[in-house]
Amino acid sequence: FKGITGHELCKYFWDPAVRMEWEGTLDSSRMIEALSDDTLIFHQVHKRVWPSAQRDTCFWSNIRKFPNTDPGSSPDLPNWIVVN
């Protein structure tokens, strides 16, 4: 995405305060517990897809920064990842 950093993209994807703004498959999302500053547990209710029953999920989401070891890149720009 032009105009934003990898960290901004990962933060927006991971942040529970804005999850319902971009996640179109959910009816609701609720954080159950914060295990740490970078790891959260959620309960989500997914929109019903006919002809199946409505589903819910409980999952953990983690955001991490790790060093940039690419020889052609600046070490001052770390890599970011979100794992659900």
Protein backbone atom coordinates (compact mmCIF):
# COMPACT_ATOMS: atom_id res chain seq x y z
CA PHE A 1 0.00 0.00 0.00
CA LYS A 2 1.42 3.34 -0.99
CA GLY A 3 1.68 6.07 1.60
CA ILE A 4 1.80 3.88 4.72
CA THR A 5 4.46 1.78 6.41
CA GLY A 6 4.33 -1.96 7.03
CA HIS A 7 3.95 -1.20 10.73
CA GLU A 8 0.90 1.01 10.11
CA LEU A 9 -0.73 -1.71 8.00
CA CYS A 10 -0.05 -4.44 10.59
CA LYS A 11 -1.22 -2.23 13.46
CA TYR A 12 -4.51 -1.44 11.70
CA PHE A 13 -5.06 -5.14 10.92
CA TRP A 14 -4.27 -6.20 14.50
CA ASP A 15 -5.89 -3.39 16.55
CA PRO A 16 -9.22 -4.48 18.14
CA ALA A 17 -10.44 -0.85 18.25
CA VAL A 18 -10.72 -0.79 14.45
CA ARG A 19 -11.34 -4.45 13.59
CA MET A 20 -15.02 -3.94 12.74
CA GLU A 21 -14.11 -1.10 10.31
CA TRP A 22 -12.34 -3.41 7.88
CA GLU A 23 -13.55 -6.96 8.70
CA GLY A 24 -16.71 -7.46 6.65
CA THR A 25 -17.26 -11.10 7.63
CA LEU A 26 -18.05 -10.40 11.29
CA ASP A 27 -21.24 -9.60 13.18
CA SER A 28 -19.24 -8.95 16.36
CA SER A 29 -15.74 -9.10 17.81
CA ARG A 30 -14.86 -8.96 21.49
CA MET A 31 -11.45 -9.09 23.11
CA ILE A 32 -11.53 -11.72 25.85
CA GLU A 33 -8.05 -11.25 27.28
CA ALA A 34 -4.79 -9.40 26.67
CA LEU A 35 -2.02 -11.91 27.33
CA SER A 36 0.62 -9.22 26.72
CA ASP A 37 1.03 -5.90 24.92
CA ASP A 38 1.31 -7.76 21.61
CA THR A 39 -0.93 -10.83 22.09
CA LEU A 40 -4.73 -10.78 22.41
CA ILE A 41 -7.47 -13.41 22.58
CA PHE A 42 -10.75 -12.69 20.76
CA HIS A 43 -14.22 -14.15 20.48
CA GLN A 44 -15.82 -13.37 17.12
CA VAL A 45 -19.25 -14.11 15.66
CA HIS A 46 -19.14 -14.48 11.88
CA LYS A 47 -21.93 -13.45 9.54
CA ARG A 48 -24.15 -16.32 8.52
CA VAL A 49 -23.47 -17.75 5.07
CA TRP A 50 -26.53 -19.50 3.71
CA PRO A 51 -27.22 -22.43 3.98
CA SER A 52 -24.83 -23.02 6.89
CA ALA A 53 -25.39 -22.10 10.52
CA GLN A 54 -23.79 -19.00 11.99
CA ARG A 55 -20.29 -19.68 13.33
CA ASP A 56 -18.14 -18.23 16.07
CA THR A 57 -14.41 -18.44 16.69
CA CYS A 58 -12.04 -17.95 19.57
CA PHE A 59 -8.48 -17.15 18.52
CA TRP A 60 -5.31 -15.39 19.53
CA SER A 61 -3.74 -12.57 17.55
CA ASN A 62 -0.11 -11.53 17.85
CA ILE A 63 1.80 -8.59 16.34
CA ARG A 64 5.60 -8.75 16.24
CA LYS A 65 8.52 -6.64 15.11
CA PHE A 66 11.73 -8.29 13.98
CA PRO A 67 15.00 -6.90 12.65
CA ASN A 68 15.45 -6.15 8.97
CA THR A 69 18.34 -8.35 7.80
CA ASP A 70 17.91 -7.68 4.06
CA PRO A 71 21.31 -6.42 2.85
CA GLY A 72 19.67 -3.95 0.45
CA SER A 73 17.38 -2.36 3.08
CA SER A 74 17.87 0.01 5.95
CA PRO A 75 18.26 -1.74 9.32
CA ASP A 76 16.32 1.21 10.80
CA LEU A 77 13.14 -0.09 9.09
CA PRO A 78 12.14 -3.26 10.96
CA ASN A 79 9.79 -5.93 9.57
CA TRP A 80 6.35 -6.47 11.08
CA ILE A 81 4.02 -9.48 11.11
CA VAL A 82 0.56 -10.27 12.46
CA VAL A 83 -0.29 -13.91 13.16
CA ASN A 84 -3.85 -15.01 13.93
